[in-house]
N, C-alpha and C. Protein backbone atom coordinates (compact mmCIF):
# COMPACT_ATOMS: atom_id res chain seq x y z
N MET A 1 -42.71 98.86 -98.92
CA MET A 1 -43.39 97.59 -98.85
C MET A 1 -43.14 96.81 -100.14
N THR A 2 -42.88 95.54 -100.02
CA THR A 2 -42.65 94.66 -101.16
C THR A 2 -43.66 93.53 -101.11
N THR A 3 -44.28 93.26 -102.24
CA THR A 3 -45.19 92.12 -102.33
C THR A 3 -44.43 90.95 -102.90
N MET A 4 -44.45 89.85 -102.18
CA MET A 4 -43.80 88.63 -102.64
C MET A 4 -44.80 87.50 -102.53
N PHE A 5 -44.61 86.47 -103.32
CA PHE A 5 -45.51 85.33 -103.31
C PHE A 5 -44.77 84.10 -102.82
N GLY A 6 -45.50 83.20 -102.19
CA GLY A 6 -44.88 82.00 -101.68
C GLY A 6 -45.93 80.96 -101.32
N VAL A 7 -45.46 79.91 -100.65
CA VAL A 7 -46.33 78.81 -100.26
C VAL A 7 -46.13 78.55 -98.77
N ILE A 8 -47.24 78.33 -98.07
CA ILE A 8 -47.16 78.06 -96.63
C ILE A 8 -46.89 76.58 -96.40
N HIS A 9 -45.91 76.30 -95.52
CA HIS A 9 -45.59 74.95 -95.08
C HIS A 9 -45.59 74.98 -93.55
N GLY A 10 -46.75 74.74 -92.93
CA GLY A 10 -46.84 74.83 -91.47
C GLY A 10 -46.63 76.26 -91.03
N LYS A 11 -45.58 76.49 -90.19
CA LYS A 11 -45.27 77.84 -89.71
C LYS A 11 -44.30 78.57 -90.63
N THR A 12 -43.87 77.94 -91.71
CA THR A 12 -42.87 78.51 -92.61
C THR A 12 -43.52 78.92 -93.93
N VAL A 13 -43.09 80.06 -94.47
CA VAL A 13 -43.54 80.49 -95.79
C VAL A 13 -42.33 80.42 -96.72
N GLU A 14 -42.43 79.62 -97.76
CA GLU A 14 -41.36 79.50 -98.76
C GLU A 14 -41.65 80.50 -99.88
N LEU A 15 -40.79 81.52 -100.03
CA LEU A 15 -40.99 82.55 -101.04
C LEU A 15 -40.49 82.09 -102.40
N GLU A 16 -41.12 82.60 -103.45
CA GLU A 16 -40.72 82.25 -104.81
C GLU A 16 -39.38 82.87 -105.18
N GLN A 17 -38.99 83.93 -104.49
CA GLN A 17 -37.72 84.59 -104.76
C GLN A 17 -37.12 85.04 -103.44
N GLU A 18 -35.85 85.34 -103.47
CA GLU A 18 -35.18 85.79 -102.27
C GLU A 18 -35.44 87.28 -102.06
N PRO A 19 -35.76 87.70 -100.83
CA PRO A 19 -35.96 89.13 -100.59
C PRO A 19 -34.67 89.92 -100.75
N ASP A 20 -34.81 91.22 -100.96
CA ASP A 20 -33.65 92.09 -101.14
C ASP A 20 -33.02 92.54 -99.82
N TRP A 21 -33.48 92.02 -98.70
CA TRP A 21 -32.99 92.44 -97.40
C TRP A 21 -31.88 91.51 -96.91
N PRO A 22 -31.03 92.01 -96.05
CA PRO A 22 -29.94 91.16 -95.53
C PRO A 22 -30.49 90.04 -94.63
N GLU A 23 -29.75 88.96 -94.58
CA GLU A 23 -30.10 87.82 -93.74
C GLU A 23 -30.26 88.27 -92.29
N GLY A 24 -31.30 87.81 -91.61
CA GLY A 24 -31.52 88.15 -90.22
C GLY A 24 -32.32 89.43 -90.01
N GLU A 25 -32.67 90.13 -91.08
CA GLU A 25 -33.45 91.37 -90.98
C GLU A 25 -34.84 91.05 -90.43
N ARG A 26 -35.29 91.84 -89.48
CA ARG A 26 -36.64 91.65 -88.93
C ARG A 26 -37.65 92.27 -89.89
N VAL A 27 -38.74 91.56 -90.13
CA VAL A 27 -39.78 92.04 -91.03
C VAL A 27 -41.15 91.78 -90.42
N ALA A 28 -42.15 92.51 -90.89
CA ALA A 28 -43.54 92.25 -90.54
C ALA A 28 -44.16 91.56 -91.75
N VAL A 29 -44.99 90.56 -91.52
CA VAL A 29 -45.57 89.79 -92.61
C VAL A 29 -47.09 89.83 -92.50
N THR A 30 -47.75 90.17 -93.59
CA THR A 30 -49.20 90.09 -93.69
C THR A 30 -49.50 89.00 -94.71
N ILE A 31 -50.37 88.09 -94.35
CA ILE A 31 -50.65 86.96 -95.24
C ILE A 31 -52.05 87.09 -95.82
N GLN A 32 -52.15 86.88 -97.13
CA GLN A 32 -53.45 86.80 -97.79
C GLN A 32 -53.33 85.79 -98.91
N GLN A 33 -54.44 85.16 -99.25
CA GLN A 33 -54.42 84.16 -100.31
C GLN A 33 -54.14 84.86 -101.64
N ALA A 34 -53.18 84.33 -102.40
CA ALA A 34 -52.78 84.96 -103.65
C ALA A 34 -53.73 84.60 -104.78
N VAL A 35 -54.06 83.34 -104.95
CA VAL A 35 -54.91 82.91 -106.06
C VAL A 35 -55.84 81.82 -105.54
N ALA A 36 -57.12 82.00 -105.76
CA ALA A 36 -58.09 80.98 -105.37
C ALA A 36 -58.48 80.19 -106.60
N SER A 37 -57.83 79.05 -106.79
CA SER A 37 -58.14 78.22 -107.95
C SER A 37 -57.81 76.77 -107.66
N ASN A 38 -58.31 75.90 -108.51
CA ASN A 38 -57.99 74.48 -108.36
C ASN A 38 -56.56 74.21 -108.77
N THR A 39 -56.11 74.82 -109.86
CA THR A 39 -54.79 74.53 -110.38
C THR A 39 -53.72 75.43 -109.77
N GLY A 40 -54.08 76.69 -109.50
CA GLY A 40 -53.11 77.62 -108.94
C GLY A 40 -52.00 77.99 -109.92
N THR A 41 -52.16 77.68 -111.20
CA THR A 41 -51.08 77.92 -112.14
C THR A 41 -51.18 79.25 -112.86
N ILE A 42 -52.39 79.79 -113.00
CA ILE A 42 -52.55 81.03 -113.74
C ILE A 42 -53.15 82.08 -112.81
N PRO A 43 -52.47 83.22 -112.62
CA PRO A 43 -53.01 84.25 -111.73
C PRO A 43 -54.22 84.93 -112.37
N SER A 44 -55.06 85.52 -111.55
CA SER A 44 -56.24 86.19 -112.08
C SER A 44 -55.83 87.41 -112.89
N VAL A 45 -56.61 87.70 -113.90
CA VAL A 45 -56.35 88.83 -114.78
C VAL A 45 -56.36 90.13 -113.97
N GLU A 46 -57.19 90.18 -112.94
CA GLU A 46 -57.28 91.39 -112.12
C GLU A 46 -55.95 91.77 -111.49
N GLN A 47 -55.05 90.78 -111.31
CA GLN A 47 -53.77 91.06 -110.67
C GLN A 47 -52.84 91.87 -111.56
N TRP A 48 -53.10 91.94 -112.86
CA TRP A 48 -52.17 92.66 -113.73
C TRP A 48 -52.83 93.52 -114.81
N ALA A 49 -54.07 93.26 -115.16
CA ALA A 49 -54.69 93.93 -116.31
C ALA A 49 -54.85 95.43 -116.15
N VAL A 50 -54.99 95.92 -114.94
CA VAL A 50 -55.16 97.36 -114.73
C VAL A 50 -53.85 98.11 -114.95
N ARG A 51 -52.74 97.49 -114.62
CA ARG A 51 -51.44 98.17 -114.72
C ARG A 51 -50.69 97.88 -116.01
N LEU A 52 -51.03 96.81 -116.70
CA LEU A 52 -50.36 96.44 -117.95
C LEU A 52 -51.39 96.57 -119.07
N VAL A 53 -51.24 97.61 -119.86
CA VAL A 53 -52.29 97.99 -120.81
C VAL A 53 -51.75 98.11 -122.23
N PHE A 54 -52.69 98.16 -123.18
CA PHE A 54 -52.34 98.48 -124.55
C PHE A 54 -52.46 99.99 -124.72
N ASP A 55 -51.45 100.62 -125.29
CA ASP A 55 -51.47 102.05 -125.58
C ASP A 55 -50.87 102.22 -126.97
N SER A 56 -51.72 102.46 -127.95
CA SER A 56 -51.26 102.52 -129.34
C SER A 56 -50.30 103.67 -129.61
N THR A 57 -50.28 104.68 -128.74
CA THR A 57 -49.31 105.76 -128.93
C THR A 57 -47.89 105.33 -128.57
N VAL A 58 -47.78 104.27 -127.77
CA VAL A 58 -46.46 103.75 -127.39
C VAL A 58 -46.12 102.53 -128.24
N SER A 59 -47.02 101.55 -128.28
CA SER A 59 -46.82 100.34 -129.07
C SER A 59 -48.19 99.81 -129.48
N PRO A 60 -48.43 99.68 -130.77
CA PRO A 60 -49.75 99.22 -131.20
C PRO A 60 -50.00 97.73 -130.96
N THR A 61 -48.97 96.96 -130.66
CA THR A 61 -49.14 95.51 -130.56
C THR A 61 -48.71 94.91 -129.23
N GLU A 62 -48.22 95.70 -128.32
CA GLU A 62 -47.63 95.13 -127.11
C GLU A 62 -48.11 95.86 -125.87
N ARG A 63 -48.31 95.10 -124.79
CA ARG A 63 -48.67 95.72 -123.51
C ARG A 63 -47.50 96.53 -122.96
N ILE A 64 -47.87 97.63 -122.30
CA ILE A 64 -46.88 98.44 -121.61
C ILE A 64 -47.34 98.64 -120.17
N VAL A 65 -46.44 99.10 -119.32
CA VAL A 65 -46.82 99.46 -117.97
C VAL A 65 -47.53 100.80 -118.06
N LYS A 66 -48.74 100.87 -117.56
CA LYS A 66 -49.57 102.07 -117.65
C LYS A 66 -48.81 103.31 -117.16
N GLY A 67 -48.86 104.37 -117.95
CA GLY A 67 -48.21 105.63 -117.57
C GLY A 67 -46.73 105.68 -117.91
N THR A 68 -46.21 104.63 -118.55
CA THR A 68 -44.81 104.61 -118.95
C THR A 68 -44.71 104.21 -120.42
N GLN A 69 -43.50 104.11 -120.91
CA GLN A 69 -43.28 103.58 -122.24
C GLN A 69 -42.54 102.25 -122.17
N LEU A 70 -42.62 101.60 -121.03
CA LEU A 70 -41.90 100.36 -120.80
C LEU A 70 -42.72 99.15 -121.25
N SER A 71 -42.11 98.31 -122.06
CA SER A 71 -42.74 97.09 -122.55
C SER A 71 -42.88 96.07 -121.43
N ALA A 72 -44.09 95.55 -121.26
CA ALA A 72 -44.33 94.53 -120.24
C ALA A 72 -43.49 93.28 -120.52
N GLU A 73 -43.42 92.86 -121.77
CA GLU A 73 -42.65 91.65 -122.11
C GLU A 73 -41.15 91.85 -121.83
N MET A 74 -40.63 93.03 -122.11
CA MET A 74 -39.22 93.31 -121.83
C MET A 74 -38.94 93.21 -120.33
N LEU A 75 -39.85 93.77 -119.53
CA LEU A 75 -39.68 93.73 -118.08
C LEU A 75 -39.86 92.32 -117.53
N VAL A 76 -40.79 91.56 -118.10
CA VAL A 76 -40.96 90.16 -117.70
C VAL A 76 -39.68 89.38 -117.97
N ALA A 77 -39.05 89.65 -119.10
CA ALA A 77 -37.78 88.97 -119.42
C ALA A 77 -36.73 89.29 -118.36
N GLU A 78 -36.69 90.53 -117.89
CA GLU A 78 -35.74 90.89 -116.82
C GLU A 78 -36.04 90.10 -115.55
N LEU A 79 -37.32 90.01 -115.20
CA LEU A 79 -37.71 89.25 -114.00
C LEU A 79 -37.35 87.78 -114.14
N GLU A 80 -37.57 87.23 -115.33
CA GLU A 80 -37.26 85.82 -115.56
C GLU A 80 -35.76 85.55 -115.52
N ASN A 81 -34.97 86.60 -115.73
CA ASN A 81 -33.51 86.48 -115.63
C ASN A 81 -33.01 86.73 -114.21
N GLY A 82 -33.94 86.76 -113.24
CA GLY A 82 -33.54 86.84 -111.84
C GLY A 82 -33.49 88.23 -111.24
N ARG A 83 -33.99 89.23 -111.94
CA ARG A 83 -33.99 90.58 -111.36
C ARG A 83 -34.91 90.62 -110.15
N ARG A 84 -34.47 91.29 -109.12
CA ARG A 84 -35.25 91.44 -107.90
C ARG A 84 -36.08 92.72 -107.99
N ASP A 85 -37.09 92.81 -107.13
CA ASP A 85 -37.97 93.98 -107.13
C ASP A 85 -37.18 95.27 -106.96
N GLU A 86 -36.27 95.29 -106.00
CA GLU A 86 -35.50 96.50 -105.73
C GLU A 86 -34.64 96.90 -106.93
N GLN A 87 -34.08 95.91 -107.61
CA GLN A 87 -33.28 96.21 -108.81
C GLN A 87 -34.16 96.79 -109.91
N MET A 88 -35.35 96.25 -110.07
CA MET A 88 -36.28 96.76 -111.09
C MET A 88 -36.65 98.21 -110.80
N LEU A 89 -36.95 98.50 -109.55
CA LEU A 89 -37.33 99.86 -109.17
C LEU A 89 -36.18 100.83 -109.33
N GLU A 90 -34.98 100.37 -109.05
CA GLU A 90 -33.80 101.23 -109.19
C GLU A 90 -33.49 101.50 -110.66
N ASP A 91 -33.56 100.47 -111.49
CA ASP A 91 -33.25 100.61 -112.91
C ASP A 91 -34.35 101.31 -113.71
N HIS A 92 -35.57 101.24 -113.21
CA HIS A 92 -36.71 101.84 -113.91
C HIS A 92 -37.48 102.71 -112.91
N PRO A 93 -37.01 103.93 -112.64
CA PRO A 93 -37.62 104.76 -111.60
C PRO A 93 -39.09 105.11 -111.86
N GLU A 94 -39.54 104.95 -113.09
CA GLU A 94 -40.94 105.25 -113.39
C GLU A 94 -41.88 104.14 -112.90
N LEU A 95 -41.33 103.00 -112.49
CA LEU A 95 -42.14 101.90 -111.97
C LEU A 95 -42.47 102.11 -110.50
N MET A 96 -43.64 101.60 -110.10
CA MET A 96 -44.03 101.55 -108.69
C MET A 96 -44.00 100.08 -108.27
N ARG A 97 -43.97 99.84 -106.98
CA ARG A 97 -43.95 98.46 -106.48
C ARG A 97 -45.16 97.66 -106.99
N GLU A 98 -46.29 98.32 -107.09
CA GLU A 98 -47.49 97.65 -107.60
C GLU A 98 -47.30 97.22 -109.05
N ASP A 99 -46.52 97.99 -109.83
CA ASP A 99 -46.24 97.62 -111.22
C ASP A 99 -45.41 96.35 -111.26
N VAL A 100 -44.42 96.26 -110.39
CA VAL A 100 -43.55 95.07 -110.36
C VAL A 100 -44.37 93.85 -109.93
N ALA A 101 -45.26 94.03 -108.95
CA ALA A 101 -46.12 92.92 -108.53
C ALA A 101 -47.02 92.48 -109.70
N ALA A 102 -47.55 93.43 -110.45
CA ALA A 102 -48.38 93.10 -111.62
C ALA A 102 -47.55 92.37 -112.67
N LEU A 103 -46.32 92.79 -112.87
CA LEU A 103 -45.44 92.12 -113.84
C LEU A 103 -45.13 90.69 -113.40
N ARG A 104 -44.92 90.49 -112.10
CA ARG A 104 -44.66 89.13 -111.61
C ARG A 104 -45.88 88.23 -111.83
N ALA A 105 -47.08 88.75 -111.59
CA ALA A 105 -48.30 87.97 -111.85
C ALA A 105 -48.45 87.69 -113.34
N TYR A 106 -48.20 88.69 -114.15
CA TYR A 106 -48.30 88.56 -115.62
C TYR A 106 -47.30 87.52 -116.13
N ALA A 107 -46.12 87.47 -115.53
CA ALA A 107 -45.08 86.52 -115.95
C ALA A 107 -45.51 85.07 -115.72
N GLN A 108 -46.44 84.84 -114.80
CA GLN A 108 -46.91 83.49 -114.51
C GLN A 108 -47.92 83.00 -115.55
N VAL A 109 -48.47 83.92 -116.34
CA VAL A 109 -49.42 83.54 -117.38
C VAL A 109 -48.63 82.96 -118.55
N PRO A 110 -49.02 81.81 -119.09
CA PRO A 110 -48.28 81.23 -120.22
C PRO A 110 -48.17 82.23 -121.38
N ILE A 111 -47.01 82.24 -122.02
CA ILE A 111 -46.72 83.25 -123.05
C ILE A 111 -47.75 83.24 -124.19
N GLY A 112 -48.26 82.07 -124.55
CA GLY A 112 -49.27 82.01 -125.60
C GLY A 112 -50.52 82.78 -125.23
N ILE A 113 -50.90 82.69 -123.96
CA ILE A 113 -52.07 83.42 -123.49
C ILE A 113 -51.75 84.91 -123.39
N ARG A 114 -50.55 85.24 -122.91
CA ARG A 114 -50.17 86.66 -122.82
C ARG A 114 -50.25 87.31 -124.20
N ARG A 115 -49.80 86.61 -125.21
CA ARG A 115 -49.81 87.16 -126.57
C ARG A 115 -51.20 87.26 -127.15
N SER A 116 -52.12 86.42 -126.67
CA SER A 116 -53.46 86.39 -127.25
C SER A 116 -54.41 87.43 -126.67
N PHE A 117 -54.10 87.98 -125.49
CA PHE A 117 -54.99 88.98 -124.92
C PHE A 117 -55.04 90.19 -125.83
N GLY A 118 -56.25 90.61 -126.18
CA GLY A 118 -56.42 91.75 -127.05
C GLY A 118 -56.40 91.36 -128.51
N GLY A 119 -56.25 90.11 -128.83
CA GLY A 119 -56.21 89.67 -130.22
C GLY A 119 -56.62 88.22 -130.32
N TRP A 120 -56.54 87.67 -131.51
CA TRP A 120 -56.88 86.26 -131.72
C TRP A 120 -55.80 85.37 -131.16
N ALA A 121 -56.18 84.26 -130.59
CA ALA A 121 -55.23 83.33 -129.99
C ALA A 121 -54.47 82.59 -131.07
N GLU A 122 -53.15 82.64 -130.99
CA GLU A 122 -52.32 81.84 -131.88
C GLU A 122 -52.22 80.42 -131.34
N GLU A 123 -52.37 80.29 -130.04
CA GLU A 123 -52.30 78.97 -129.40
C GLU A 123 -53.66 78.67 -128.79
N ALA A 124 -54.57 78.15 -129.61
CA ALA A 124 -55.95 77.95 -129.19
C ALA A 124 -56.05 77.04 -127.96
N ASP A 125 -55.19 76.03 -127.85
CA ASP A 125 -55.25 75.13 -126.69
C ASP A 125 -54.95 75.88 -125.40
N ALA A 126 -53.95 76.76 -125.43
CA ALA A 126 -53.60 77.53 -124.23
C ALA A 126 -54.73 78.47 -123.85
N LEU A 127 -55.36 79.09 -124.84
CA LEU A 127 -56.47 79.99 -124.56
C LEU A 127 -57.65 79.21 -123.99
N GLU A 128 -57.96 78.06 -124.56
CA GLU A 128 -59.06 77.24 -124.07
C GLU A 128 -58.78 76.79 -122.63
N GLU A 129 -57.54 76.44 -122.32
CA GLU A 129 -57.17 76.05 -120.95
C GLU A 129 -57.42 77.21 -119.99
N PHE A 130 -57.03 78.42 -120.41
CA PHE A 130 -57.23 79.60 -119.57
C PHE A 130 -58.72 79.86 -119.37
N LEU A 131 -59.51 79.78 -120.43
CA LEU A 131 -60.94 80.05 -120.33
C LEU A 131 -61.62 79.04 -119.40
N GLU A 132 -61.24 77.77 -119.51
CA GLU A 132 -61.81 76.75 -118.63
C GLU A 132 -61.40 77.00 -117.18
N TRP A 133 -60.14 77.34 -116.95
CA TRP A 133 -59.66 77.67 -115.60
C TRP A 133 -60.45 78.84 -115.04
N ASN A 134 -60.69 79.86 -115.86
CA ASN A 134 -61.43 81.05 -115.43
C ASN A 134 -62.88 80.68 -115.09
N ARG A 135 -63.51 79.83 -115.89
CA ARG A 135 -64.88 79.38 -115.61
C ARG A 135 -64.93 78.66 -114.26
N GLN A 136 -63.98 77.77 -114.02
CA GLN A 136 -63.94 77.03 -112.75
C GLN A 136 -63.75 77.99 -111.58
N ARG A 137 -62.89 78.95 -111.76
CA ARG A 137 -62.62 79.94 -110.71
C ARG A 137 -63.88 80.72 -110.37
N ARG A 138 -64.63 81.13 -111.39
CA ARG A 138 -65.88 81.86 -111.16
C ARG A 138 -66.90 80.98 -110.45
N ARG A 139 -66.97 79.71 -110.84
CA ARG A 139 -67.91 78.79 -110.18
C ARG A 139 -67.57 78.66 -108.69
N LEU A 140 -66.28 78.57 -108.38
CA LEU A 140 -65.85 78.43 -106.99
C LEU A 140 -66.15 79.68 -106.17
N SER A 141 -66.11 80.84 -106.81
CA SER A 141 -66.30 82.09 -106.07
C SER A 141 -67.76 82.48 -105.92
N ARG A 142 -68.66 81.79 -106.61
CA ARG A 142 -70.10 82.10 -106.49
C ARG A 142 -70.62 81.63 -105.14
N ARG A 143 -71.47 82.46 -104.58
CA ARG A 143 -72.13 82.08 -103.33
C ARG A 143 -73.35 81.23 -103.65
N GLU A 144 -73.58 80.24 -102.82
CA GLU A 144 -74.78 79.41 -102.95
C GLU A 144 -75.97 80.20 -102.44
N VAL A 145 -77.07 80.16 -103.17
CA VAL A 145 -78.28 80.87 -102.77
C VAL A 145 -79.38 79.83 -102.53
N GLU A 146 -79.97 79.90 -101.36
CA GLU A 146 -81.06 79.00 -101.03
C GLU A 146 -82.37 79.64 -101.43
N LEU A 147 -83.20 78.87 -102.08
CA LEU A 147 -84.52 79.37 -102.50
C LEU A 147 -85.61 78.84 -101.63
């Protein structure tokens, strides 16, 4: 199973990347909302924070993929250079599909914010933008309670 992200246009789903399957391959598709936000620009922390962690025994300053010694930023750079999920899994057998999905979500977070998690923000404006986005997201997800 491969997790891919895209946008719905009527009956068509436009994927952010090309699948690794040959043209005309039959597939089953399950649809779920990827990010519930006003801006849709920053994925929720829950999509990547569990799998991309700080481990001081591997690197005291950089996130790694949990259970590996692979740098999250190094893998994000590979994804940004057009690597497909299948290529990532083949080149890094210690990765699981869920790790690649977490890396893709993490890659959507602005680099200034990625660098500031776990430490002081070097780009205060980017951090403030993220915090405001997160506040709005929480407000939208709250249920109304009638008294």
